[in-house]
Amino acid sequence: MTFSPDPRKNPAAAAVVKRFKDKGIEPEGYVLYTYAAFQTWKQAVEKAKSTEAEAVIKAMNDTEFDTVVGKFKFNEKGDPNLPPYAVYRWSKGGYEQITE
């Protein structure tokens, strides 16, 4: 199967992963990507000094964000310059990224 790279393995996410696990929550799937989206919005609002959409969008287009999924910028199409997908092997109720 394909999916985005597992952000739980990113050193930038270690502290947040620990906080989730300490509460009995496994932050799998889109959990950390959603967390990163809120971090991105917060950083853009802080840079824009506003929550007005145009100001936030401008800040999002002009900023490198530091999040649990790593540092990234948006390209001219609005896509983040993060690794796009990884390939995983599903076996016995679990999955592991194939790196070879």
N, C-alpha and C. Protein backbone atom coordinates (compact mmCIF):
# COMPACT_ATOMS: atom_id res chain seq x y z
N MET A 1 0.85 -1.17 0.00
CA MET A 1 0.00 0.00 0.00
C MET A 1 0.89 1.23 0.00
N THR A 2 0.34 2.36 -0.39
CA THR A 2 1.08 3.61 -0.33
C THR A 2 0.39 4.55 0.65
N PHE A 3 1.18 5.37 1.27
CA PHE A 3 0.70 6.37 2.21
C PHE A 3 1.85 7.35 2.39
N SER A 4 1.59 8.45 3.03
CA SER A 4 2.64 9.40 3.34
C SER A 4 3.65 8.76 4.28
N PRO A 5 4.89 9.27 4.31
CA PRO A 5 5.86 8.75 5.27
C PRO A 5 5.33 8.85 6.70
N ASP A 6 5.67 7.88 7.52
CA ASP A 6 5.17 7.82 8.90
C ASP A 6 5.82 8.92 9.73
N PRO A 7 5.08 9.98 10.08
CA PRO A 7 5.68 11.09 10.82
C PRO A 7 6.07 10.72 12.25
N ARG A 8 5.56 9.60 12.76
CA ARG A 8 5.95 9.18 14.12
C ARG A 8 7.44 8.88 14.20
N LYS A 9 8.06 8.60 13.05
CA LYS A 9 9.48 8.27 13.01
C LYS A 9 10.36 9.50 12.80
N ASN A 10 9.73 10.66 12.64
CA ASN A 10 10.46 11.90 12.43
C ASN A 10 10.91 12.44 13.79
N PRO A 11 12.20 12.70 13.97
CA PRO A 11 12.67 13.25 15.25
C PRO A 11 11.94 14.53 15.66
N ALA A 12 11.47 15.31 14.70
CA ALA A 12 10.75 16.54 15.02
C ALA A 12 9.43 16.26 15.73
N ALA A 13 8.93 15.04 15.62
CA ALA A 13 7.64 14.68 16.22
C ALA A 13 7.77 13.96 17.56
N ALA A 14 8.98 13.66 18.00
CA ALA A 14 9.18 12.81 19.18
C ALA A 14 8.42 13.29 20.41
N ALA A 15 8.50 14.55 20.74
CA ALA A 15 7.85 15.05 21.96
C ALA A 15 6.32 14.96 21.85
N VAL A 16 5.79 15.27 20.68
CA VAL A 16 4.33 15.21 20.49
C VAL A 16 3.86 13.76 20.51
N VAL A 17 4.61 12.88 19.86
CA VAL A 17 4.26 11.44 19.87
C VAL A 17 4.22 10.94 21.30
N LYS A 18 5.22 11.33 22.11
CA LYS A 18 5.26 10.90 23.51
C LYS A 18 4.03 11.39 24.27
N ARG A 19 3.63 12.64 24.05
CA ARG A 19 2.45 13.19 24.74
C ARG A 19 1.19 12.41 24.36
N PHE A 20 1.04 12.08 23.09
CA PHE A 20 -0.12 11.27 22.67
C PHE A 20 -0.08 9.90 23.34
N LYS A 21 1.08 9.24 23.27
CA LYS A 21 1.19 7.88 23.82
C LYS A 21 0.98 7.88 25.33
N ASP A 22 1.45 8.92 26.01
CA ASP A 22 1.24 9.02 27.47
C ASP A 22 -0.24 9.08 27.82
N LYS A 23 -1.06 9.52 26.86
CA LYS A 23 -2.52 9.58 27.07
C LYS A 23 -3.22 8.35 26.51
N GLY A 24 -2.43 7.35 26.08
CA GLY A 24 -3.00 6.12 25.56
C GLY A 24 -3.49 6.22 24.12
N ILE A 25 -2.98 7.20 23.39
CA ILE A 25 -3.39 7.40 22.00
C ILE A 25 -2.21 7.10 21.09
N GLU A 26 -2.41 6.24 20.12
CA GLU A 26 -1.39 5.97 19.11
C GLU A 26 -1.62 6.95 17.95
N PRO A 27 -0.70 7.90 17.73
CA PRO A 27 -0.92 8.93 16.71
C PRO A 27 -0.60 8.43 15.30
N GLU A 28 -1.42 7.50 14.82
CA GLU A 28 -1.16 6.93 13.50
C GLU A 28 -2.03 7.61 12.44
N GLY A 29 -1.82 7.22 11.20
CA GLY A 29 -2.62 7.77 10.11
C GLY A 29 -2.39 9.26 9.94
N TYR A 30 -3.49 10.01 9.96
CA TYR A 30 -3.41 11.45 9.71
C TYR A 30 -3.30 12.29 10.97
N VAL A 31 -3.16 11.69 12.13
CA VAL A 31 -3.14 12.45 13.39
C VAL A 31 -2.05 13.52 13.37
N LEU A 32 -0.81 13.13 13.08
CA LEU A 32 0.28 14.11 13.12
C LEU A 32 0.23 15.07 11.93
N TYR A 33 -0.31 14.63 10.81
CA TYR A 33 -0.48 15.55 9.68
C TYR A 33 -1.50 16.63 10.03
N THR A 34 -2.54 16.27 10.74
CA THR A 34 -3.52 17.25 11.18
C THR A 34 -2.90 18.19 12.21
N TYR A 35 -2.11 17.64 13.12
CA TYR A 35 -1.40 18.45 14.11
C TYR A 35 -0.51 19.46 13.39
N ALA A 36 0.21 18.99 12.34
CA ALA A 36 1.08 19.88 11.57
C ALA A 36 0.29 20.97 10.86
N ALA A 37 -0.91 20.65 10.41
CA ALA A 37 -1.75 21.65 9.75
C ALA A 37 -2.08 22.78 10.72
N PHE A 38 -2.39 22.43 11.97
CA PHE A 38 -2.68 23.47 12.96
C PHE A 38 -1.43 24.26 13.31
N GLN A 39 -0.27 23.58 13.38
CA GLN A 39 0.98 24.30 13.62
C GLN A 39 1.25 25.29 12.49
N THR A 40 1.00 24.86 11.26
CA THR A 40 1.22 25.70 10.10
C THR A 40 0.32 26.93 10.16
N TRP A 41 -0.96 26.72 10.42
CA TRP A 41 -1.90 27.83 10.50
C TRP A 41 -1.47 28.81 11.60
N LYS A 42 -1.10 28.28 12.76
CA LYS A 42 -0.69 29.13 13.89
C LYS A 42 0.52 29.98 13.51
N GLN A 43 1.53 29.37 12.89
CA GLN A 43 2.72 30.11 12.49
C GLN A 43 2.40 31.17 11.44
N ALA A 44 1.50 30.85 10.50
CA ALA A 44 1.11 31.81 9.48
C ALA A 44 0.36 32.99 10.10
N VAL A 45 -0.54 32.71 11.03
CA VAL A 45 -1.29 33.77 11.71
C VAL A 45 -0.32 34.67 12.49
N GLU A 46 0.62 34.06 13.17
CA GLU A 46 1.60 34.85 13.93
C GLU A 46 2.42 35.75 13.00
N LYS A 47 2.83 35.21 11.85
CA LYS A 47 3.61 36.02 10.91
C LYS A 47 2.74 37.13 10.32
N ALA A 48 1.49 36.80 9.98
CA ALA A 48 0.58 37.79 9.39
C ALA A 48 0.07 38.80 10.41
N LYS A 49 0.18 38.44 11.68
CA LYS A 49 -0.40 39.27 12.77
C LYS A 49 -1.88 39.53 12.51
N SER A 50 -2.54 38.49 11.95
CA SER A 50 -3.95 38.61 11.59
C SER A 50 -4.52 37.22 11.35
N THR A 51 -5.86 37.12 11.45
CA THR A 51 -6.53 35.88 11.05
C THR A 51 -7.32 36.10 9.76
N GLU A 52 -7.15 37.26 9.14
CA GLU A 52 -7.81 37.54 7.86
C GLU A 52 -7.23 36.61 6.80
N ALA A 53 -8.11 36.00 6.02
CA ALA A 53 -7.71 34.98 5.05
C ALA A 53 -6.59 35.43 4.12
N GLU A 54 -6.70 36.60 3.51
CA GLU A 54 -5.68 37.06 2.55
C GLU A 54 -4.32 37.20 3.21
N ALA A 55 -4.28 37.74 4.41
CA ALA A 55 -3.01 37.92 5.12
C ALA A 55 -2.40 36.57 5.49
N VAL A 56 -3.24 35.65 5.94
CA VAL A 56 -2.74 34.32 6.32
C VAL A 56 -2.24 33.57 5.09
N ILE A 57 -2.97 33.65 3.99
CA ILE A 57 -2.53 32.98 2.76
C ILE A 57 -1.20 33.54 2.29
N LYS A 58 -1.04 34.85 2.33
CA LYS A 58 0.24 35.45 1.94
C LYS A 58 1.36 34.93 2.84
N ALA A 59 1.11 34.89 4.13
CA ALA A 59 2.13 34.37 5.06
C ALA A 59 2.43 32.90 4.77
N MET A 60 1.40 32.14 4.42
CA MET A 60 1.62 30.72 4.11
C MET A 60 2.47 30.56 2.86
N ASN A 61 2.32 31.46 1.91
CA ASN A 61 3.10 31.38 0.68
C ASN A 61 4.53 31.85 0.85
N ASP A 62 4.82 32.61 1.92
CA ASP A 62 6.14 33.22 2.10
C ASP A 62 6.93 32.67 3.29
N THR A 63 6.51 31.54 3.85
CA THR A 63 7.10 31.06 5.10
C THR A 63 7.55 29.62 5.00
N GLU A 64 8.67 29.31 5.65
CA GLU A 64 9.03 27.91 5.87
C GLU A 64 8.51 27.56 7.25
N PHE A 65 7.75 26.48 7.32
CA PHE A 65 7.11 26.08 8.57
C PHE A 65 7.90 24.98 9.25
N ASP A 66 7.93 25.02 10.57
CA ASP A 66 8.62 24.02 11.38
C ASP A 66 7.53 23.25 12.14
N THR A 67 7.30 21.99 11.73
CA THR A 67 6.18 21.23 12.26
C THR A 67 6.61 19.82 12.66
N VAL A 68 5.66 19.05 13.17
CA VAL A 68 5.94 17.67 13.55
C VAL A 68 6.23 16.78 12.36
N VAL A 69 5.89 17.21 11.15
CA VAL A 69 6.22 16.42 9.96
C VAL A 69 7.50 16.92 9.31
N GLY A 70 8.15 17.89 9.92
CA GLY A 70 9.40 18.45 9.42
C GLY A 70 9.21 19.88 8.93
N LYS A 71 10.30 20.44 8.45
CA LYS A 71 10.26 21.80 7.90
C LYS A 71 9.82 21.72 6.45
N PHE A 72 8.97 22.66 6.05
CA PHE A 72 8.53 22.67 4.66
C PHE A 72 8.02 24.05 4.27
N LYS A 73 7.94 24.24 2.95
CA LYS A 73 7.33 25.43 2.34
C LYS A 73 6.29 24.93 1.36
N PHE A 74 5.39 25.81 0.98
CA PHE A 74 4.45 25.50 -0.08
C PHE A 74 5.05 25.96 -1.41
N ASN A 75 4.88 25.14 -2.46
CA ASN A 75 5.39 25.54 -3.77
C ASN A 75 4.37 26.43 -4.49
N GLU A 76 4.67 26.79 -5.72
CA GLU A 76 3.81 27.71 -6.47
C GLU A 76 2.41 27.16 -6.72
N LYS A 77 2.23 25.82 -6.64
CA LYS A 77 0.91 25.22 -6.81
C LYS A 77 0.18 25.06 -5.48
N GLY A 78 0.87 25.37 -4.37
CA GLY A 78 0.25 25.23 -3.06
C GLY A 78 0.49 23.89 -2.41
N ASP A 79 1.37 23.08 -3.01
CA ASP A 79 1.69 21.77 -2.44
C ASP A 79 2.90 21.91 -1.51
N PRO A 80 2.90 21.19 -0.37
CA PRO A 80 4.07 21.23 0.51
C PRO A 80 5.22 20.46 -0.11
N ASN A 81 6.44 20.92 0.11
CA ASN A 81 7.61 20.23 -0.44
C ASN A 81 8.11 19.15 0.53
N LEU A 82 7.19 18.32 0.95
CA LEU A 82 7.50 17.17 1.82
C LEU A 82 7.59 15.92 0.96
N PRO A 83 8.26 14.87 1.45
CA PRO A 83 8.26 13.62 0.69
C PRO A 83 6.82 13.17 0.43
N PRO A 84 6.48 12.85 -0.82
CA PRO A 84 5.08 12.60 -1.16
C PRO A 84 4.50 11.29 -0.62
N TYR A 85 5.08 10.18 -0.94
CA TYR A 85 4.51 8.89 -0.54
C TYR A 85 5.61 7.90 -0.23
N ALA A 86 5.25 6.91 0.55
CA ALA A 86 6.13 5.78 0.84
C ALA A 86 5.34 4.52 0.53
N VAL A 87 6.05 3.43 0.33
CA VAL A 87 5.40 2.14 0.05
C VAL A 87 5.52 1.30 1.32
N TYR A 88 4.40 0.67 1.69
CA TYR A 88 4.34 -0.14 2.90
C TYR A 88 3.92 -1.57 2.56
N ARG A 89 4.37 -2.49 3.40
CA ARG A 89 3.94 -3.89 3.30
C ARG A 89 3.00 -4.16 4.46
N TRP A 90 1.80 -4.61 4.14
CA TRP A 90 0.81 -4.96 5.16
C TRP A 90 0.95 -6.44 5.43
N SER A 91 1.11 -6.82 6.70
CA SER A 91 1.25 -8.22 7.05
C SER A 91 0.82 -8.46 8.49
N LYS A 92 0.01 -9.47 8.69
CA LYS A 92 -0.40 -9.91 10.04
C LYS A 92 -0.96 -8.77 10.88
N GLY A 93 -1.79 -7.95 10.28
CA GLY A 93 -2.46 -6.89 11.03
C GLY A 93 -1.63 -5.64 11.27
N GLY A 94 -0.49 -5.54 10.67
CA GLY A 94 0.36 -4.36 10.84
C GLY A 94 1.04 -3.98 9.53
N TYR A 95 1.76 -2.91 9.54
CA TYR A 95 2.44 -2.47 8.32
C TYR A 95 3.81 -1.89 8.66
N GLU A 96 4.71 -2.02 7.70
CA GLU A 96 6.06 -1.47 7.82
C GLU A 96 6.43 -0.84 6.49
N GLN A 97 7.14 0.27 6.55
CA GLN A 97 7.58 0.93 5.33
C GLN A 97 8.65 0.08 4.66
N ILE A 98 8.54 -0.07 3.36
CA ILE A 98 9.55 -0.77 2.57
C ILE A 98 10.59 0.26 2.15
N THR A 99 11.82 0.07 2.55
CA THR A 99 12.86 1.05 2.26
C THR A 99 13.85 0.58 1.21
N GLU A 100 13.70 -0.62 0.74
CA GLU A 100 14.65 -1.16 -0.24
C GLU A 100 14.17 -0.99 -1.64
